[in-house]
Amino acid sequence: MCGDVNGDGVVNIGDALLTAQYDVGLRPCGQAPFSHPELCNVNRDAGCNIGDALKMAQCDVGLISCAFVCNPFSCP
């Protein structure tokens, strides 16, 4: 499921937090709990960043749909 970077079956604030932490260098790419970085590019730009985290958080609180389509992303 696009956006579910921790692999728990839902897109929620936990995924947003992990994505934001990755963006600022606090989480290594691909290591638990940020296990599925290939699912993080929900805003379909060039990377996995705070913009993606914002969309995940908005989805979690019902502001936008969680039916994301991911662009490919792999760990640098």
PDB file of N, CA and C in Angstrom:
ATOM      1  N   MET A   1       0.851  -1.167   0.000  1.00  0.00           N
ATOM      2  CA  MET A   1       0.000   0.000   0.000  1.00  0.00           C
ATOM      3  C   MET A   1       0.903   1.239   0.000  1.00  0.00           C
ATOM      4  N   CYS A   2       0.713   2.083  -0.966  1.00  0.00           N
ATOM      5  CA  CYS A   2       1.510   3.296  -1.096  1.00  0.00           C
ATOM      6  C   CYS A   2       1.336   4.187   0.137  1.00  0.00           C
ATOM      7  N   GLY A   3       2.436   4.569   0.766  1.00  0.00           N
ATOM      8  CA  GLY A   3       2.419   5.386   1.972  1.00  0.00           C
ATOM      9  C   GLY A   3       2.682   4.608   3.250  1.00  0.00           C
ATOM     10  N   ASP A   4       2.525   3.294   3.193  1.00  0.00           N
ATOM     11  CA  ASP A   4       2.704   2.461   4.391  1.00  0.00           C
ATOM     12  C   ASP A   4       4.175   2.076   4.552  1.00  0.00           C
ATOM     13  N   VAL A   5       5.002   3.033   4.935  1.00  0.00           N
ATOM     14  CA  VAL A   5       6.448   2.805   4.982  1.00  0.00           C
ATOM     15  C   VAL A   5       6.893   1.886   6.113  1.00  0.00           C
ATOM     16  N   ASN A   6       6.066   1.722   7.138  1.00  0.00           N
ATOM     17  CA  ASN A   6       6.452   0.817   8.234  1.00  0.00           C
ATOM     18  C   ASN A   6       5.825  -0.569   8.092  1.00  0.00           C
ATOM     19  N   GLY A   7       4.997  -0.772   7.080  1.00  0.00           N
ATOM     20  CA  GLY A   7       4.471  -2.099   6.781  1.00  0.00           C
ATOM     21  C   GLY A   7       3.433  -2.631   7.737  1.00  0.00           C
ATOM     22  N   ASP A   8       2.700  -1.745   8.427  1.00  0.00           N
ATOM     23  CA  ASP A   8       1.685  -2.226   9.372  1.00  0.00           C
ATOM     24  C   ASP A   8       0.291  -2.338   8.763  1.00  0.00           C
ATOM     25  N   GLY A   9       0.168  -2.085   7.464  1.00  0.00           N
ATOM     26  CA  GLY A   9      -1.103  -2.274   6.778  1.00  0.00           C
ATOM     27  C   GLY A   9      -1.983  -1.044   6.674  1.00  0.00           C
ATOM     28  N   VAL A  10      -1.565   0.081   7.255  1.00  0.00           N
ATOM     29  CA  VAL A  10      -2.332   1.330   7.169  1.00  0.00           C
ATOM     30  C   VAL A  10      -1.370   2.499   6.941  1.00  0.00           C
ATOM     31  N   VAL A  11      -1.913   3.568   6.360  1.00  0.00           N
ATOM     32  CA  VAL A  11      -1.157   4.814   6.238  1.00  0.00           C
ATOM     33  C   VAL A  11      -1.640   5.720   7.355  1.00  0.00           C
ATOM     34  N   ASN A  12      -0.722   6.091   8.255  1.00  0.00           N
ATOM     35  CA  ASN A  12      -1.124   6.920   9.391  1.00  0.00           C
ATOM     36  C   ASN A  12       0.021   7.832   9.824  1.00  0.00           C
ATOM     37  N   ILE A  13      -0.165   8.485  10.952  1.00  0.00           N
ATOM     38  CA  ILE A  13       0.815   9.451  11.433  1.00  0.00           C
ATOM     39  C   ILE A  13       2.172   8.806  11.712  1.00  0.00           C
ATOM     40  N   GLY A  14       2.176   7.520  12.014  1.00  0.00           N
ATOM     41  CA  GLY A  14       3.448   6.819  12.208  1.00  0.00           C
ATOM     42  C   GLY A  14       4.280   6.811  10.935  1.00  0.00           C
ATOM     43  N   ASP A  15       3.628   6.581   9.803  1.00  0.00           N
ATOM     44  CA  ASP A  15       4.328   6.614   8.519  1.00  0.00           C
ATOM     45  C   ASP A  15       4.819   8.028   8.216  1.00  0.00           C
ATOM     46  N   ALA A  16       3.985   9.016   8.521  1.00  0.00           N
ATOM     47  CA  ALA A  16       4.372  10.413   8.306  1.00  0.00           C
ATOM     48  C   ALA A  16       5.595  10.767   9.148  1.00  0.00           C
ATOM     49  N   LEU A  17       5.599  10.349  10.395  1.00  0.00           N
ATOM     50  CA  LEU A  17       6.720  10.637  11.288  1.00  0.00           C
ATOM     51  C   LEU A  17       8.010   9.989  10.789  1.00  0.00           C
ATOM     52  N   LEU A  18       7.941   8.730  10.404  1.00  0.00           N
ATOM     53  CA  LEU A  18       9.129   8.039   9.901  1.00  0.00           C
ATOM     54  C   LEU A  18       9.667   8.709   8.642  1.00  0.00           C
ATOM     55  N   THR A  19       8.766   9.126   7.759  1.00  0.00           N
ATOM     56  CA  THR A  19       9.175   9.792   6.525  1.00  0.00           C
ATOM     57  C   THR A  19       9.839  11.130   6.828  1.00  0.00           C
ATOM     58  N   ALA A  20       9.260  11.896   7.743  1.00  0.00           N
ATOM     59  CA  ALA A  20       9.856  13.179   8.136  1.00  0.00           C
ATOM     60  C   ALA A  20      11.223  12.955   8.782  1.00  0.00           C
ATOM     61  N   GLN A  21      11.336  11.941   9.613  1.00  0.00           N
ATOM     62  CA  GLN A  21      12.619  11.639  10.252  1.00  0.00           C
ATOM     63  C   GLN A  21      13.666  11.237   9.219  1.00  0.00           C
ATOM     64  N   TYR A  22      13.257  10.470   8.224  1.00  0.00           N
ATOM     65  CA  TYR A  22      14.182  10.115   7.143  1.00  0.00           C
ATOM     66  C   TYR A  22      14.648  11.381   6.414  1.00  0.00           C
ATOM     67  N   ASP A  23      13.710  12.278   6.132  1.00  0.00           N
ATOM     68  CA  ASP A  23      14.023  13.491   5.373  1.00  0.00           C
ATOM     69  C   ASP A  23      15.083  14.349   6.059  1.00  0.00           C
ATOM     70  N   VAL A  24      15.075  14.392   7.381  1.00  0.00           N
ATOM     71  CA  VAL A  24      16.055  15.224   8.098  1.00  0.00           C
ATOM     72  C   VAL A  24      17.266  14.423   8.597  1.00  0.00           C
ATOM     73  N   GLY A  25      17.373  13.165   8.169  1.00  0.00           N
ATOM     74  CA  GLY A  25      18.551  12.374   8.485  1.00  0.00           C
ATOM     75  C   GLY A  25      18.527  11.623   9.800  1.00  0.00           C
ATOM     76  N   LEU A  26      17.354  11.507  10.419  1.00  0.00           N
ATOM     77  CA  LEU A  26      17.263  10.794  11.695  1.00  0.00           C
ATOM     78  C   LEU A  26      16.944   9.310  11.540  1.00  0.00           C
ATOM     79  N   ARG A  27      16.567   8.871  10.348  1.00  0.00           N
ATOM     80  CA  ARG A  27      16.256   7.461  10.080  1.00  0.00           C
ATOM     81  C   ARG A  27      17.043   6.995   8.877  1.00  0.00           C
ATOM     82  N   PRO A  28      17.727   5.858   8.983  1.00  0.00           N
ATOM     83  CA  PRO A  28      18.388   5.303   7.812  1.00  0.00           C
ATOM     84  C   PRO A  28      17.361   4.698   6.857  1.00  0.00           C
ATOM     85  N   CYS A  29      17.619   4.843   5.596  1.00  0.00           N
ATOM     86  CA  CYS A  29      16.698   4.352   4.568  1.00  0.00           C
ATOM     87  C   CYS A  29      16.690   2.827   4.536  1.00  0.00           C
ATOM     88  N   GLY A  30      15.496   2.255   4.583  1.00  0.00           N
ATOM     89  CA  GLY A  30      15.335   0.821   4.439  1.00  0.00           C
ATOM     90  C   GLY A  30      15.512  -0.011   5.685  1.00  0.00           C
ATOM     91  N   GLN A  31      15.831   0.609   6.811  1.00  0.00           N
ATOM     92  CA  GLN A  31      15.991  -0.141   8.055  1.00  0.00           C
ATOM     93  C   GLN A  31      14.766   0.051   8.934  1.00  0.00           C
ATOM     94  N   ALA A  32      14.354  -1.022   9.589  1.00  0.00           N
ATOM     95  CA  ALA A  32      13.166  -0.974  10.447  1.00  0.00           C
ATOM     96  C   ALA A  32      13.280   0.166  11.445  1.00  0.00           C
ATOM     97  N   PRO A  33      12.210   0.846  11.711  1.00  0.00           N
ATOM     98  CA  PRO A  33      10.852   0.626  11.234  1.00  0.00           C
ATOM     99  C   PRO A  33      10.543   1.279   9.890  1.00  0.00           C
ATOM    100  N   PHE A  34      11.511   1.965   9.263  1.00  0.00           N
ATOM    101  CA  PHE A  34      11.317   2.577   7.940  1.00  0.00           C
ATOM    102  C   PHE A  34      11.643   1.525   6.881  1.00  0.00           C
ATOM    103  N   SER A  35      10.880   0.428   6.908  1.00  0.00           N
ATOM    104  CA  SER A  35      11.213  -0.789   6.171  1.00  0.00           C
ATOM    105  C   SER A  35      10.869  -0.764   4.693  1.00  0.00           C
ATOM    106  N   HIS A  36       9.954   0.109   4.294  1.00  0.00           N
ATOM    107  CA  HIS A  36       9.476   0.105   2.907  1.00  0.00           C
ATOM    108  C   HIS A  36       9.593   1.489   2.279  1.00  0.00           C
ATOM    109  N   PRO A  37      10.819   1.981   2.089  1.00  0.00           N
ATOM    110  CA  PRO A  37      10.991   3.312   1.518  1.00  0.00           C
ATOM    111  C   PRO A  37      10.439   3.432   0.103  1.00  0.00           C
ATOM    112  N   GLU A  38      10.318   2.300  -0.595  1.00  0.00           N
ATOM    113  CA  GLU A  38       9.765   2.336  -1.951  1.00  0.00           C
ATOM    114  C   GLU A  38       8.317   2.812  -1.970  1.00  0.00           C
ATOM    115  N   LEU A  39       7.672   2.851  -0.806  1.00  0.00           N
ATOM    116  CA  LEU A  39       6.273   3.273  -0.706  1.00  0.00           C
ATOM    117  C   LEU A  39       6.112   4.702  -0.196  1.00  0.00           C
ATOM    118  N   CYS A  40       7.201   5.448  -0.077  1.00  0.00           N
ATOM    119  CA  CYS A  40       7.102   6.758   0.580  1.00  0.00           C
ATOM    120  C   CYS A  40       6.785   7.915  -0.357  1.00  0.00           C
ATOM    121  N   ASN A  41       6.996   7.797  -1.645  1.00  0.00           N
ATOM    122  CA  ASN A  41       6.843   8.949  -2.542  1.00  0.00           C
ATOM    123  C   ASN A  41       5.385   9.141  -2.956  1.00  0.00           C
ATOM    124  N   VAL A  42       4.547   9.533  -2.008  1.00  0.00           N
ATOM    125  CA  VAL A  42       3.108   9.658  -2.257  1.00  0.00           C
ATOM    126  C   VAL A  42       2.737  10.923  -3.017  1.00  0.00           C
ATOM    127  N   ASN A  43       3.585  11.955  -2.997  1.00  0.00           N
ATOM    128  CA  ASN A  43       3.253  13.167  -3.752  1.00  0.00           C
ATOM    129  C   ASN A  43       3.860  13.150  -5.153  1.00  0.00           C
ATOM    130  N   ARG A  44       4.533  12.071  -5.491  1.00  0.00           N
ATOM    131  CA  ARG A  44       5.023  11.770  -6.832  1.00  0.00           C
ATOM    132  C   ARG A  44       6.026  12.787  -7.363  1.00  0.00           C
ATOM    133  N   ASP A  45       6.848  13.330  -6.459  1.00  0.00           N
ATOM    134  CA  ASP A  45       7.938  14.182  -6.917  1.00  0.00           C
ATOM    135  C   ASP A  45       9.204  13.332  -7.017  1.00  0.00           C
ATOM    136  N   ALA A  46      10.342  13.925  -6.889  1.00  0.00           N
ATOM    137  CA  ALA A  46      11.589  13.202  -7.122  1.00  0.00           C
ATOM    138  C   ALA A  46      12.140  12.454  -5.916  1.00  0.00           C
ATOM    139  N   GLY A  47      11.516  12.559  -4.753  1.00  0.00           N
ATOM    140  CA  GLY A  47      12.114  11.911  -3.600  1.00  0.00           C
ATOM    141  C   GLY A  47      11.143  11.617  -2.486  1.00  0.00           C
ATOM    142  N   CYS A  48      11.709  11.259  -1.366  1.00  0.00           N
ATOM    143  CA  CYS A  48      10.955  10.949  -0.154  1.00  0.00           C
ATOM    144  C   CYS A  48      11.262  12.054   0.842  1.00  0.00           C
ATOM    145  N   ASN A  49      10.287  12.934   1.096  1.00  0.00           N
ATOM    146  CA  ASN A  49      10.585  14.134   1.867  1.00  0.00           C
ATOM    147  C   ASN A  49       9.382  14.605   2.689  1.00  0.00           C
ATOM    148  N   ILE A  50       9.507  15.792   3.257  1.00  0.00           N
ATOM    149  CA  ILE A  50       8.478  16.327   4.143  1.00  0.00           C
ATOM    150  C   ILE A  50       7.140  16.509   3.422  1.00  0.00           C
ATOM    151  N   GLY A  51       7.165  16.742   2.123  1.00  0.00           N
ATOM    152  CA  GLY A  51       5.919  16.842   1.362  1.00  0.00           C
ATOM    153  C   GLY A  51       5.134  15.538   1.408  1.00  0.00           C
ATOM    154  N   ASP A  52       5.839  14.435   1.335  1.00  0.00           N
ATOM    155  CA  ASP A  52       5.195  13.124   1.441  1.00  0.00           C
ATOM    156  C   ASP A  52       4.655  12.909   2.854  1.00  0.00           C
ATOM    157  N   ALA A  53       5.444  13.292   3.849  1.00  0.00           N
ATOM    158  CA  ALA A  53       5.005  13.155   5.243  1.00  0.00           C
ATOM    159  C   ALA A  53       3.731  13.952   5.487  1.00  0.00           C
ATOM    160  N   LEU A  54       3.654  15.157   4.932  1.00  0.00           N
ATOM    161  CA  LEU A  54       2.463  15.989   5.090  1.00  0.00           C
ATOM    162  C   LEU A  54       1.238  15.313   4.494  1.00  0.00           C
ATOM    163  N   LYS A  55       1.365  14.756   3.295  1.00  0.00           N
ATOM    164  CA  LYS A  55       0.229  14.061   2.670  1.00  0.00           C
ATOM    165  C   LYS A  55      -0.209  12.853   3.499  1.00  0.00           C
ATOM    166  N   MET A  56       0.737  12.119   4.055  1.00  0.00           N
ATOM    167  CA  MET A  56       0.393  10.971   4.900  1.00  0.00           C
ATOM    168  C   MET A  56      -0.370  11.427   6.140  1.00  0.00           C
ATOM    169  N   ALA A  57       0.076  12.510   6.753  1.00  0.00           N
ATOM    170  CA  ALA A  57      -0.607  13.037   7.937  1.00  0.00           C
ATOM    171  C   ALA A  57      -2.007  13.531   7.581  1.00  0.00           C
ATOM    172  N   GLN A  58      -2.140  14.213   6.448  1.00  0.00           N
ATOM    173  CA  GLN A  58      -3.451  14.694   6.009  1.00  0.00           C
ATOM    174  C   GLN A  58      -4.397  13.529   5.746  1.00  0.00           C
ATOM    175  N   CYS A  59      -3.882  12.460   5.187  1.00  0.00           N
ATOM    176  CA  CYS A  59      -4.675  11.253   4.946  1.00  0.00           C
ATOM    177  C   CYS A  59      -5.146  10.658   6.269  1.00  0.00           C
ATOM    178  N   ASP A  60      -4.255  10.610   7.249  1.00  0.00           N
ATOM    179  CA  ASP A  60      -4.580  10.000   8.544  1.00  0.00           C
ATOM    180  C   ASP A  60      -5.727  10.716   9.250  1.00  0.00           C
ATOM    181  N   VAL A  61      -5.804  12.030   9.108  1.00  0.00           N
ATOM    182  CA  VAL A  61      -6.871  12.780   9.789  1.00  0.00           C
ATOM    183  C   VAL A  61      -8.082  13.024   8.892  1.00  0.00           C
ATOM    184  N   GLY A  62      -8.085  12.446   7.690  1.00  0.00           N
ATOM    185  CA  GLY A  62      -9.251  12.514   6.825  1.00  0.00           C
ATOM    186  C   GLY A  62      -9.358  13.751   5.949  1.00  0.00           C
ATOM    187  N   LEU A  63      -8.292  14.530   5.832  1.00  0.00           N
ATOM    188  CA  LEU A  63      -8.350  15.726   4.986  1.00  0.00           C
ATOM    189  C   LEU A  63      -8.246  15.405   3.505  1.00  0.00           C
ATOM    190  N   ILE A  64      -7.542  14.325   3.175  1.00  0.00           N
ATOM    191  CA  ILE A  64      -7.412  13.886   1.790  1.00  0.00           C
ATOM    192  C   ILE A  64      -7.562  12.370   1.742  1.00  0.00           C
ATOM    193  N   SER A  65      -7.787  11.863   0.548  1.00  0.00           N
ATOM    194  CA  SER A  65      -7.901  10.416   0.347  1.00  0.00           C
ATOM    195  C   SER A  65      -6.554   9.737   0.568  1.00  0.00           C
ATOM    196  N   CYS A  66      -6.606   8.521   1.048  1.00  0.00           N
ATOM    197  CA  CYS A  66      -5.391   7.728   1.243  1.00  0.00           C
ATOM    198  C   CYS A  66      -5.103   6.826   0.042  1.00  0.00           C
ATOM    199  N   ALA A  67      -5.823   7.022  -1.042  1.00  0.00           N
ATOM    200  CA  ALA A  67      -5.622   6.204  -2.241  1.00  0.00           C
ATOM    201  C   ALA A  67      -4.461   6.781  -3.053  1.00  0.00           C
ATOM    202  N   PHE A  68      -3.245   6.652  -2.520  1.00  0.00           N
ATOM    203  CA  PHE A  68      -2.062   7.204  -3.160  1.00  0.00           C
ATOM    204  C   PHE A  68      -1.555   6.288  -4.265  1.00  0.00           C
ATOM    205  N   VAL A  69      -0.908   6.887  -5.249  1.00  0.00           N
ATOM    206  CA  VAL A  69      -0.164   6.162  -6.269  1.00  0.00           C
ATOM    207  C   VAL A  69       1.281   6.619  -6.133  1.00  0.00           C
ATOM    208  N   CYS A  70       2.161   5.701  -5.825  1.00  0.00           N
ATOM    209  CA  CYS A  70       3.560   6.053  -5.565  1.00  0.00           C
ATOM    210  C   CYS A  70       4.384   6.119  -6.841  1.00  0.00           C
ATOM    211  N   ASN A  71       5.301   7.061  -6.872  1.00  0.00           N
ATOM    212  CA  ASN A  71       6.383   7.030  -7.844  1.00  0.00           C
ATOM    213  C   ASN A  71       7.494   6.189  -7.235  1.00  0.00           C
ATOM    214  N   PRO A  72       8.258   5.512  -8.066  1.00  0.00           N
ATOM    215  CA  PRO A  72       9.334   4.685  -7.529  1.00  0.00           C
ATOM    216  C   PRO A  72      10.335   5.506  -6.716  1.00  0.00           C
ATOM    217  N   PHE A  73      10.799   4.945  -5.624  1.00  0.00           N
ATOM    218  CA  PHE A  73      11.853   5.548  -4.815  1.00  0.00           C
ATOM    219  C   PHE A  73      12.718   4.423  -4.292  1.00  0.00           C
ATOM    220  N   SER A  74      14.009   4.628  -4.342  1.00  0.00           N
ATOM    221  CA  SER A  74      14.911   3.649  -3.737  1.00  0.00           C
ATOM    222  C   SER A  74      15.953   4.394  -2.914  1.00  0.00           C
ATOM    223  N   CYS A  75      16.499   3.717  -1.960  1.00  0.00           N
ATOM    224  CA  CYS A  75      17.482   4.331  -1.071  1.00  0.00           C
ATOM    225  C   CYS A  75      18.703   4.778  -1.866  1.00  0.00           C
ATOM    226  N   PRO A  76      19.177   5.985  -1.557  1.00  0.00           N
ATOM    227  CA  PRO A  76      20.382   6.467  -2.256  1.00  0.00           C
ATOM    228  C   PRO A  76      21.616   5.692  -1.837  1.00  0.00           C
TER     229      PRO A  76
END
